[in-house]
Amino acid sequence: MQTRTGCDMRGMLSFQILWLLSKEKMNGEKIAEEIGRRRGDKPKPGTIYPALKELKVSGLVTGKKDGREVVYSITGKGKAAVREATAYLCRSFGEIFTEGMK
């Protein structure tokens, strides 16, 4: 996805998924809707589900079948990854946000 300024934000998908799952358990559709609400465009299933699979293989999320859908939740390892990534983003980009608000 490119914003109006041309900046490509696709690299943030795994972090966005983990961050959302750190707040509550969700199925893939709800994750896509929440990301779409925040970004302005809803990611397609071909984007969300491969990312979820990679996060699951890495041990950062788990998925539990609930009827016809899979509900994903973050693991302890995933929570640690969110904390680490958040600290990194704050160190790397915090100044941009505070200066940009002036």
PDB file of N, CA and C in Angstrom:
ATOM      1  N   MET A   1       0.833  -1.187   0.000  1.00  0.00           N
ATOM      2  CA  MET A   1       0.000   0.000   0.000  1.00  0.00           C
ATOM      3  C   MET A   1       0.870   1.240   0.000  1.00  0.00           C
ATOM      4  N   GLN A   2       0.543   2.157  -0.832  1.00  0.00           N
ATOM      5  CA  GLN A   2       1.248   3.421  -0.813  1.00  0.00           C
ATOM      6  C   GLN A   2       0.317   4.501  -0.308  1.00  0.00           C
ATOM      7  N   THR A   3       0.848   5.345   0.561  1.00  0.00           N
ATOM      8  CA  THR A   3       0.054   6.456   1.049  1.00  0.00           C
ATOM      9  C   THR A   3       0.101   7.564   0.008  1.00  0.00           C
ATOM     10  N   ARG A   4      -0.584   8.620   0.265  1.00  0.00           N
ATOM     11  CA  ARG A   4      -0.596   9.747  -0.675  1.00  0.00           C
ATOM     12  C   ARG A   4       0.794  10.339  -0.871  1.00  0.00           C
ATOM     13  N   THR A   5       1.673  10.149   0.090  1.00  0.00           N
ATOM     14  CA  THR A   5       3.027  10.683  -0.024  1.00  0.00           C
ATOM     15  C   THR A   5       3.955   9.737  -0.766  1.00  0.00           C
ATOM     16  N   GLY A   6       3.482   8.523  -1.096  1.00  0.00           N
ATOM     17  CA  GLY A   6       4.290   7.554  -1.815  1.00  0.00           C
ATOM     18  C   GLY A   6       5.072   6.623  -0.915  1.00  0.00           C
ATOM     19  N   CYS A   7       4.899   6.720   0.385  1.00  0.00           N
ATOM     20  CA  CYS A   7       5.633   5.879   1.324  1.00  0.00           C
ATOM     21  C   CYS A   7       4.980   4.506   1.412  1.00  0.00           C
ATOM     22  N   ASP A   8       5.751   3.454   1.212  1.00  0.00           N
ATOM     23  CA  ASP A   8       5.238   2.081   1.215  1.00  0.00           C
ATOM     24  C   ASP A   8       5.264   1.527   2.631  1.00  0.00           C
ATOM     25  N   MET A   9       4.093   1.149   3.159  1.00  0.00           N
ATOM     26  CA  MET A   9       3.986   0.693   4.546  1.00  0.00           C
ATOM     27  C   MET A   9       3.746  -0.811   4.668  1.00  0.00           C
ATOM     28  N   ARG A  10       3.948  -1.575   3.603  1.00  0.00           N
ATOM     29  CA  ARG A  10       3.659  -3.004   3.656  1.00  0.00           C
ATOM     30  C   ARG A  10       4.506  -3.761   4.667  1.00  0.00           C
ATOM     31  N   GLY A  11       5.703  -3.330   4.957  1.00  0.00           N
ATOM     32  CA  GLY A  11       6.592  -4.028   5.864  1.00  0.00           C
ATOM     33  C   GLY A  11       6.114  -4.081   7.304  1.00  0.00           C
ATOM     34  N   MET A  12       5.058  -3.386   7.614  1.00  0.00           N
ATOM     35  CA  MET A  12       4.554  -3.313   8.981  1.00  0.00           C
ATOM     36  C   MET A  12       3.474  -4.351   9.266  1.00  0.00           C
ATOM     37  N   LEU A  13       3.107  -5.180   8.310  1.00  0.00           N
ATOM     38  CA  LEU A  13       1.965  -6.077   8.471  1.00  0.00           C
ATOM     39  C   LEU A  13       2.118  -7.030   9.656  1.00  0.00           C
ATOM     40  N   SER A  14       3.233  -7.708   9.776  1.00  0.00           N
ATOM     41  CA  SER A  14       3.418  -8.657  10.880  1.00  0.00           C
ATOM     42  C   SER A  14       3.333  -7.946  12.229  1.00  0.00           C
ATOM     43  N   PHE A  15       3.949  -6.777  12.324  1.00  0.00           N
ATOM     44  CA  PHE A  15       3.874  -6.015  13.566  1.00  0.00           C
ATOM     45  C   PHE A  15       2.429  -5.620  13.866  1.00  0.00           C
ATOM     46  N   GLN A  16       1.702  -5.161  12.843  1.00  0.00           N
ATOM     47  CA  GLN A  16       0.306  -4.768  13.045  1.00  0.00           C
ATOM     48  C   GLN A  16      -0.530  -5.949  13.533  1.00  0.00           C
ATOM     49  N   ILE A  17      -0.333  -7.103  12.933  1.00  0.00           N
ATOM     50  CA  ILE A  17      -1.075  -8.297  13.347  1.00  0.00           C
ATOM     51  C   ILE A  17      -0.755  -8.646  14.794  1.00  0.00           C
ATOM     52  N   LEU A  18       0.520  -8.680  15.132  1.00  0.00           N
ATOM     53  CA  LEU A  18       0.902  -9.000  16.504  1.00  0.00           C
ATOM     54  C   LEU A  18       0.343  -7.984  17.493  1.00  0.00           C
ATOM     55  N   TRP A  19       0.427  -6.726  17.142  1.00  0.00           N
ATOM     56  CA  TRP A  19      -0.068  -5.688  18.040  1.00  0.00           C
ATOM     57  C   TRP A  19      -1.569  -5.856  18.265  1.00  0.00           C
ATOM     58  N   LEU A  20      -2.332  -6.095  17.190  1.00  0.00           N
ATOM     59  CA  LEU A  20      -3.771  -6.302  17.331  1.00  0.00           C
ATOM     60  C   LEU A  20      -4.071  -7.520  18.211  1.00  0.00           C
ATOM     61  N   LEU A  21      -3.341  -8.602  17.972  1.00  0.00           N
ATOM     62  CA  LEU A  21      -3.573  -9.817  18.758  1.00  0.00           C
ATOM     63  C   LEU A  21      -3.127  -9.662  20.206  1.00  0.00           C
ATOM     64  N   SER A  22      -2.266  -8.695  20.480  1.00  0.00           N
ATOM     65  CA  SER A  22      -1.884  -8.439  21.874  1.00  0.00           C
ATOM     66  C   SER A  22      -3.039  -7.791  22.634  1.00  0.00           C
ATOM     67  N   LYS A  23      -4.006  -7.242  21.907  1.00  0.00           N
ATOM     68  CA  LYS A  23      -5.174  -6.604  22.517  1.00  0.00           C
ATOM     69  C   LYS A  23      -6.334  -7.574  22.697  1.00  0.00           C
ATOM     70  N   GLU A  24      -6.529  -8.485  21.708  1.00  0.00           N
ATOM     71  CA  GLU A  24      -7.615  -9.459  21.792  1.00  0.00           C
ATOM     72  C   GLU A  24      -7.431 -10.557  20.749  1.00  0.00           C
ATOM     73  N   LYS A  25      -8.065 -11.692  20.993  1.00  0.00           N
ATOM     74  CA  LYS A  25      -8.055 -12.788  20.035  1.00  0.00           C
ATOM     75  C   LYS A  25      -8.949 -12.396  18.862  1.00  0.00           C
ATOM     76  N   MET A  26      -8.537 -12.790  17.645  1.00  0.00           N
ATOM     77  CA  MET A  26      -9.317 -12.430  16.460  1.00  0.00           C
ATOM     78  C   MET A  26      -9.164 -13.494  15.382  1.00  0.00           C
ATOM     79  N   ASN A  27     -10.157 -13.549  14.498  1.00  0.00           N
ATOM     80  CA  ASN A  27     -10.010 -14.376  13.308  1.00  0.00           C
ATOM     81  C   ASN A  27      -9.367 -13.524  12.205  1.00  0.00           C
ATOM     82  N   GLY A  28      -9.005 -14.153  11.111  1.00  0.00           N
ATOM     83  CA  GLY A  28      -8.316 -13.451  10.031  1.00  0.00           C
ATOM     84  C   GLY A  28      -9.115 -12.300   9.447  1.00  0.00           C
ATOM     85  N   GLU A  29     -10.417 -12.489   9.305  1.00  0.00           N
ATOM     86  CA  GLU A  29     -11.274 -11.433   8.748  1.00  0.00           C
ATOM     87  C   GLU A  29     -11.286 -10.198   9.648  1.00  0.00           C
ATOM     88  N   LYS A  30     -11.399 -10.414  10.941  1.00  0.00           N
ATOM     89  CA  LYS A  30     -11.413  -9.274  11.874  1.00  0.00           C
ATOM     90  C   LYS A  30     -10.065  -8.564  11.878  1.00  0.00           C
ATOM     91  N   ILE A  31      -8.985  -9.329  11.790  1.00  0.00           N
ATOM     92  CA  ILE A  31      -7.651  -8.717  11.709  1.00  0.00           C
ATOM     93  C   ILE A  31      -7.578  -7.826  10.480  1.00  0.00           C
ATOM     94  N   ALA A  32      -8.019  -8.339   9.327  1.00  0.00           N
ATOM     95  CA  ALA A  32      -7.996  -7.561   8.083  1.00  0.00           C
ATOM     96  C   ALA A  32      -8.849  -6.299   8.213  1.00  0.00           C
ATOM     97  N   GLU A  33     -10.026  -6.417   8.827  1.00  0.00           N
ATOM     98  CA  GLU A  33     -10.901  -5.256   9.006  1.00  0.00           C
ATOM     99  C   GLU A  33     -10.254  -4.199   9.889  1.00  0.00           C
ATOM    100  N   GLU A  34      -9.636  -4.639  10.981  1.00  0.00           N
ATOM    101  CA  GLU A  34      -8.989  -3.685  11.896  1.00  0.00           C
ATOM    102  C   GLU A  34      -7.809  -2.982  11.220  1.00  0.00           C
ATOM    103  N   ILE A  35      -7.021  -3.726  10.482  1.00  0.00           N
ATOM    104  CA  ILE A  35      -5.900  -3.110   9.764  1.00  0.00           C
ATOM    105  C   ILE A  35      -6.436  -2.138   8.716  1.00  0.00           C
ATOM    106  N   GLY A  36      -7.484  -2.544   8.000  1.00  0.00           N
ATOM    107  CA  GLY A  36      -8.082  -1.666   7.001  1.00  0.00           C
ATOM    108  C   GLY A  36      -8.621  -0.385   7.608  1.00  0.00           C
ATOM    109  N   ARG A  37      -9.220  -0.488   8.775  1.00  0.00           N
ATOM    110  CA  ARG A  37      -9.750   0.700   9.459  1.00  0.00           C
ATOM    111  C   ARG A  37      -8.623   1.678   9.784  1.00  0.00           C
ATOM    112  N   ARG A  38      -7.490   1.156  10.159  1.00  0.00           N
ATOM    113  CA  ARG A  38      -6.367   2.010  10.542  1.00  0.00           C
ATOM    114  C   ARG A  38      -5.591   2.534   9.334  1.00  0.00           C
ATOM    115  N   ARG A  39      -5.404   1.708   8.317  1.00  0.00           N
ATOM    116  CA  ARG A  39      -4.586   2.074   7.157  1.00  0.00           C
ATOM    117  C   ARG A  39      -5.366   2.752   6.045  1.00  0.00           C
ATOM    118  N   GLY A  40      -6.666   2.470   5.995  1.00  0.00           N
ATOM    119  CA  GLY A  40      -7.448   3.032   4.906  1.00  0.00           C
ATOM    120  C   GLY A  40      -7.732   2.037   3.798  1.00  0.00           C
ATOM    121  N   ASP A  41      -7.041   0.917   3.783  1.00  0.00           N
ATOM    122  CA  ASP A  41      -7.354  -0.143   2.822  1.00  0.00           C
ATOM    123  C   ASP A  41      -7.210  -1.492   3.510  1.00  0.00           C
ATOM    124  N   LYS A  42      -8.185  -2.342   3.276  1.00  0.00           N
ATOM    125  CA  LYS A  42      -8.237  -3.649   3.931  1.00  0.00           C
ATOM    126  C   LYS A  42      -7.363  -4.640   3.158  1.00  0.00           C
ATOM    127  N   PRO A  43      -6.417  -5.286   3.838  1.00  0.00           N
ATOM    128  CA  PRO A  43      -5.591  -6.280   3.148  1.00  0.00           C
ATOM    129  C   PRO A  43      -6.425  -7.477   2.695  1.00  0.00           C
ATOM    130  N   LYS A  44      -6.028  -8.045   1.608  1.00  0.00           N
ATOM    131  CA  LYS A  44      -6.722  -9.204   1.042  1.00  0.00           C
ATOM    132  C   LYS A  44      -6.331 -10.479   1.796  1.00  0.00           C
ATOM    133  N   PRO A  45      -7.173 -11.521   1.726  1.00  0.00           N
ATOM    134  CA  PRO A  45      -6.844 -12.791   2.379  1.00  0.00           C
ATOM    135  C   PRO A  45      -5.482 -13.345   1.949  1.00  0.00           C
ATOM    136  N   GLY A  46      -5.109 -13.130   0.692  1.00  0.00           N
ATOM    137  CA  GLY A  46      -3.815 -13.597   0.195  1.00  0.00           C
ATOM    138  C   GLY A  46      -2.633 -12.871   0.813  1.00  0.00           C
ATOM    139  N   THR A  47      -2.910 -11.814   1.536  1.00  0.00           N
ATOM    140  CA  THR A  47      -1.876 -11.082   2.272  1.00  0.00           C
ATOM    141  C   THR A  47      -1.897 -11.475   3.742  1.00  0.00           C
ATOM    142  N   ILE A  48      -3.090 -11.501   4.332  1.00  0.00           N
ATOM    143  CA  ILE A  48      -3.245 -11.764   5.769  1.00  0.00           C
ATOM    144  C   ILE A  48      -2.859 -13.194   6.144  1.00  0.00           C
ATOM    145  N   TYR A  49      -3.405 -14.177   5.433  1.00  0.00           N
ATOM    146  CA  TYR A  49      -3.207 -15.567   5.859  1.00  0.00           C
ATOM    147  C   TYR A  49      -1.768 -16.066   5.711  1.00  0.00           C
ATOM    148  N   PRO A  50      -1.030 -15.693   4.677  1.00  0.00           N
ATOM    149  CA  PRO A  50       0.386 -16.086   4.662  1.00  0.00           C
ATOM    150  C   PRO A  50       1.173 -15.451   5.811  1.00  0.00           C
ATOM    151  N   ALA A  51       0.828 -14.208   6.159  1.00  0.00           N
ATOM    152  CA  ALA A  51       1.504 -13.551   7.293  1.00  0.00           C
ATOM    153  C   ALA A  51       1.169 -14.273   8.597  1.00  0.00           C
ATOM    154  N   LEU A  52      -0.100 -14.645   8.777  1.00  0.00           N
ATOM    155  CA  LEU A  52      -0.491 -15.389   9.971  1.00  0.00           C
ATOM    156  C   LEU A  52       0.212 -16.744  10.028  1.00  0.00           C
ATOM    157  N   LYS A  53       0.329 -17.409   8.881  1.00  0.00           N
ATOM    158  CA  LYS A  53       1.012 -18.702   8.839  1.00  0.00           C
ATOM    159  C   LYS A  53       2.474 -18.551   9.264  1.00  0.00           C
ATOM    160  N   GLU A  54       3.134 -17.520   8.760  1.00  0.00           N
ATOM    161  CA  GLU A  54       4.536 -17.277   9.114  1.00  0.00           C
ATOM    162  C   GLU A  54       4.676 -16.979  10.612  1.00  0.00           C
ATOM    163  N   LEU A  55       3.763 -16.182  11.153  1.00  0.00           N
ATOM    164  CA  LEU A  55       3.791 -15.878  12.586  1.00  0.00           C
ATOM    165  C   LEU A  55       3.542 -17.129  13.418  1.00  0.00           C
ATOM    166  N   LYS A  56       2.673 -18.005  12.915  1.00  0.00           N
ATOM    167  CA  LYS A  56       2.378 -19.260  13.612  1.00  0.00           C
ATOM    168  C   LYS A  56       3.591 -20.189  13.594  1.00  0.00           C
ATOM    169  N   VAL A  57       4.225 -20.324  12.432  1.00  0.00           N
ATOM    170  CA  VAL A  57       5.420 -21.164  12.304  1.00  0.00           C
ATOM    171  C   VAL A  57       6.541 -20.646  13.208  1.00  0.00           C
ATOM    172  N   SER A  58       6.621 -19.329  13.361  1.00  0.00           N
ATOM    173  CA  SER A  58       7.647 -18.713  14.213  1.00  0.00           C
ATOM    174  C   SER A  58       7.324 -18.816  15.694  1.00  0.00           C
ATOM    175  N   GLY A  59       6.128 -19.315  16.020  1.00  0.00           N
ATOM    176  CA  GLY A  59       5.747 -19.465  17.421  1.00  0.00           C
ATOM    177  C   GLY A  59       5.257 -18.187  18.072  1.00  0.00           C
ATOM    178  N   LEU A  60       4.908 -17.187  17.254  1.00  0.00           N
ATOM    179  CA  LEU A  60       4.470 -15.908  17.799  1.00  0.00           C
ATOM    180  C   LEU A  60       2.965 -15.840  17.998  1.00  0.00           C
ATOM    181  N   VAL A  61       2.224 -16.661  17.249  1.00  0.00           N
ATOM    182  CA  VAL A  61       0.772 -16.746  17.415  1.00  0.00           C
ATOM    183  C   VAL A  61       0.350 -18.212  17.372  1.00  0.00           C
ATOM    184  N   THR A  62      -0.833 -18.472  17.887  1.00  0.00           N
ATOM    185  CA  THR A  62      -1.443 -19.786  17.755  1.00  0.00           C
ATOM    186  C   THR A  62      -2.823 -19.590  17.145  1.00  0.00           C
ATOM    187  N   GLY A  63      -3.337 -20.638  16.545  1.00  0.00           N
ATOM    188  CA  GLY A  63      -4.667 -20.590  15.974  1.00  0.00           C
ATOM    189  C   GLY A  63      -5.482 -21.755  16.502  1.00  0.00           C
ATOM    190  N   LYS A  64      -6.710 -21.470  16.908  1.00  0.00           N
ATOM    191  CA  LYS A  64      -7.586 -22.508  17.428  1.00  0.00           C
ATOM    192  C   LYS A  64      -8.885 -22.485  16.630  1.00  0.00           C
ATOM    193  N   LYS A  65      -9.240 -23.647  16.127  1.00  0.00           N
ATOM    194  CA  LYS A  65     -10.470 -23.787  15.344  1.00  0.00           C
ATOM    195  C   LYS A  65     -11.675 -23.534  16.236  1.00  0.00           C
ATOM    196  N   ASP A  66     -12.556 -22.658  15.780  1.00  0.00           N
ATOM    197  CA  ASP A  66     -13.796 -22.347  16.492  1.00  0.00           C
ATOM    198  C   ASP A  66     -14.920 -22.410  15.459  1.00  0.00           C
ATOM    199  N   GLY A  67     -15.533 -23.569  15.343  1.00  0.00           N
ATOM    200  CA  GLY A  67     -16.531 -23.767  14.293  1.00  0.00           C
ATOM    201  C   GLY A  67     -15.845 -23.799  12.941  1.00  0.00           C
ATOM    202  N   ARG A  68     -16.253 -22.907  12.057  1.00  0.00           N
ATOM    203  CA  ARG A  68     -15.678 -22.863  10.710  1.00  0.00           C
ATOM    204  C   ARG A  68     -14.489 -21.916  10.596  1.00  0.00           C
ATOM    205  N   GLU A  69     -14.210 -21.176  11.641  1.00  0.00           N
ATOM    206  CA  GLU A  69     -13.122 -20.200  11.562  1.00  0.00           C
ATOM    207  C   GLU A  69     -11.998 -20.552  12.533  1.00  0.00           C
ATOM    208  N   VAL A  70     -10.856 -19.928  12.295  1.00  0.00           N
ATOM    209  CA  VAL A  70      -9.712 -20.076  13.187  1.00  0.00           C
ATOM    210  C   VAL A  70      -9.545 -18.755  13.928  1.00  0.00           C
ATOM    211  N   VAL A  71      -9.479 -18.848  15.245  1.00  0.00           N
ATOM    212  CA  VAL A  71      -9.265 -17.663  16.082  1.00  0.00           C
ATOM    213  C   VAL A  71      -7.804 -17.671  16.507  1.00  0.00           C
ATOM    214  N   TYR A  72      -7.133 -16.566  16.246  1.00  0.00           N
ATOM    215  CA  TYR A  72      -5.702 -16.451  16.530  1.00  0.00           C
ATOM    216  C   TYR A  72      -5.481 -15.708  17.834  1.00  0.00           C
ATOM    217  N   SER A  73      -4.438 -16.121  18.541  1.00  0.00           N
ATOM    218  CA  SER A  73      -4.043 -15.422  19.759  1.00  0.00           C
ATOM    219  C   SER A  73      -2.525 -15.340  19.795  1.00  0.00           C
ATOM    220  N   ILE A  74      -2.044 -14.371  20.523  1.00  0.00           N
ATOM    221  CA  ILE A  74      -0.599 -14.148  20.616  1.00  0.00           C
ATOM    222  C   ILE A  74      -0.024 -15.046  21.711  1.00  0.00           C
ATOM    223  N   THR A  75       1.193 -15.503  21.511  1.00  0.00           N
ATOM    224  CA  THR A  75       1.884 -16.328  22.503  1.00  0.00           C
ATOM    225  C   THR A  75       2.768 -15.431  23.378  1.00  0.00           C
ATOM    226  N   GLY A  76       3.361 -16.009  24.390  1.00  0.00           N
ATOM    227  CA  GLY A  76       4.323 -15.267  25.208  1.00  0.00           C
ATOM    228  C   GLY A  76       5.485 -14.755  24.373  1.00  0.00           C
ATOM    229  N   LYS A  77       5.947 -15.589  23.474  1.00  0.00           N
ATOM    230  CA  LYS A  77       7.032 -15.188  22.560  1.00  0.00           C
ATOM    231  C   LYS A  77       6.577 -14.035  21.673  1.00  0.00           C
ATOM    232  N   GLY A  78       5.320 -14.066  21.242  1.00  0.00           N
ATOM    233  CA  GLY A  78       4.768 -12.989  20.420  1.00  0.00           C
ATOM    234  C   GLY A  78       4.673 -11.688  21.191  1.00  0.00           C
ATOM    235  N   LYS A  79       4.258 -11.777  22.466  1.00  0.00           N
ATOM    236  CA  LYS A  79       4.174 -10.576  23.306  1.00  0.00           C
ATOM    237  C   LYS A  79       5.550  -9.945  23.476  1.00  0.00           C
ATOM    238  N   ALA A  80       6.556 -10.782  23.672  1.00  0.00           N
ATOM    239  CA  ALA A  80       7.925 -10.268  23.798  1.00  0.00           C
ATOM    240  C   ALA A  80       8.362  -9.597  22.501  1.00  0.00           C
ATOM    241  N   ALA A  81       7.978 -10.182  21.368  1.00  0.00           N
ATOM    242  CA  ALA A  81       8.334  -9.603  20.063  1.00  0.00           C
ATOM    243  C   ALA A  81       7.665  -8.245  19.868  1.00  0.00           C
ATOM    244  N   VAL A  82       6.411  -8.106  20.314  1.00  0.00           N
ATOM    245  CA  VAL A  82       5.710  -6.817  20.209  1.00  0.00           C
ATOM    246  C   VAL A  82       6.408  -5.774  21.076  1.00  0.00           C
ATOM    247  N   ARG A  83       6.774  -6.143  22.294  1.00  0.00           N
ATOM    248  CA  ARG A  83       7.476  -5.194  23.181  1.00  0.00           C
ATOM    249  C   ARG A  83       8.792  -4.747  22.555  1.00  0.00           C
ATOM    250  N   GLU A  84       9.533  -5.703  22.029  1.00  0.00           N
ATOM    251  CA  GLU A  84      10.825  -5.392  21.410  1.00  0.00           C
ATOM    252  C   GLU A  84      10.641  -4.502  20.175  1.00  0.00           C
ATOM    253  N   ALA A  85       9.677  -4.840  19.320  1.00  0.00           N
ATOM    254  CA  ALA A  85       9.435  -4.053  18.107  1.00  0.00           C
ATOM    255  C   ALA A  85       8.939  -2.649  18.439  1.00  0.00           C
ATOM    256  N   THR A  86       8.088  -2.539  19.460  1.00  0.00           N
ATOM    257  CA  THR A  86       7.581  -1.234  19.867  1.00  0.00           C
ATOM    258  C   THR A  86       8.721  -0.354  20.379  1.00  0.00           C
ATOM    259  N   ALA A  87       9.589  -0.920  21.183  1.00  0.00           N
ATOM    260  CA  ALA A  87      10.740  -0.166  21.689  1.00  0.00           C
ATOM    261  C   ALA A  87      11.627   0.293  20.531  1.00  0.00           C
ATOM    262  N   TYR A  88      11.847  -0.594  19.569  1.00  0.00           N
ATOM    263  CA  TYR A  88      12.654  -0.258  18.390  1.00  0.00           C
ATOM    264  C   TYR A  88      12.002   0.883  17.609  1.00  0.00           C
ATOM    265  N   LEU A  89      10.703   0.784  17.366  1.00  0.00           N
ATOM    266  CA  LEU A  89      10.007   1.828  16.609  1.00  0.00           C
ATOM    267  C   LEU A  89      10.071   3.167  17.330  1.00  0.00           C
ATOM    268  N   CYS A  90       9.908   3.150  18.644  1.00  0.00           N
ATOM    269  CA  CYS A  90       9.990   4.387  19.416  1.00  0.00           C
ATOM    270  C   CYS A  90      11.384   5.001  19.337  1.00  0.00           C
ATOM    271  N   ARG A  91      12.419   4.154  19.469  1.00  0.00           N
ATOM    272  CA  ARG A  91      13.797   4.648  19.361  1.00  0.00           C
ATOM    273  C   ARG A  91      14.071   5.203  17.967  1.00  0.00           C
ATOM    274  N   SER A  92      13.608   4.489  16.965  1.00  0.00           N
ATOM    275  CA  SER A  92      13.931   4.837  15.586  1.00  0.00           C
ATOM    276  C   SER A  92      13.091   5.974  15.025  1.00  0.00           C
ATOM    277  N   PHE A  93      11.816   6.028  15.409  1.00  0.00           N
ATOM    278  CA  PHE A  93      10.907   6.954  14.761  1.00  0.00           C
ATOM    279  C   PHE A  93      10.208   7.931  15.696  1.00  0.00           C
ATOM    280  N   GLY A  94      10.409   7.809  16.986  1.00  0.00           N
ATOM    281  CA  GLY A  94       9.719   8.673  17.941  1.00  0.00           C
ATOM    282  C   GLY A  94       9.906  10.146  17.659  1.00  0.00           C
ATOM    283  N   GLU A  95      11.106  10.522  17.307  1.00  0.00           N
ATOM    284  CA  GLU A  95      11.425  11.917  17.009  1.00  0.00           C
ATOM    285  C   GLU A  95      10.614  12.429  15.812  1.00  0.00           C
ATOM    286  N   ILE A  96      10.394  11.557  14.843  1.00  0.00           N
ATOM    287  CA  ILE A  96       9.617  11.945  13.665  1.00  0.00           C
ATOM    288  C   ILE A  96       8.217  12.351  14.073  1.00  0.00           C
ATOM    289  N   PHE A  97       7.604  11.577  14.974  1.00  0.00           N
ATOM    290  CA  PHE A  97       6.243  11.879  15.388  1.00  0.00           C
ATOM    291  C   PHE A  97       6.163  13.149  16.216  1.00  0.00           C
ATOM    292  N   THR A  98       7.105  13.363  17.135  1.00  0.00           N
ATOM    293  CA  THR A  98       7.042  14.556  17.964  1.00  0.00           C
ATOM    294  C   THR A  98       7.344  15.801  17.143  1.00  0.00           C
ATOM    295  N   GLU A  99       8.292  15.722  16.215  1.00  0.00           N
ATOM    296  CA  GLU A  99       8.594  16.884  15.358  1.00  0.00           C
ATOM    297  C   GLU A  99       7.483  17.132  14.348  1.00  0.00           C
ATOM    298  N   GLY A 100       6.877  16.062  13.858  1.00  0.00           N
ATOM    299  CA  GLY A 100       5.820  16.200  12.866  1.00  0.00           C
ATOM    300  C   GLY A 100       4.553  16.818  13.412  1.00  0.00           C
ATOM    301  N   MET A 101       4.398  16.800  14.728  1.00  0.00           N
ATOM    302  CA  MET A 101       3.191  17.345  15.344  1.00  0.00           C
ATOM    303  C   MET A 101       3.303  18.859  15.598  1.00  0.00           C
ATOM    304  N   LYS A 102       4.469  19.428  15.377  1.00  0.00           N
ATOM    305  CA  LYS A 102       4.671  20.875  15.639  1.00  0.00           C
ATOM    306  C   LYS A 102       4.077  21.719  14.539  1.00  0.00           C
TER     307      LYS A 102
END
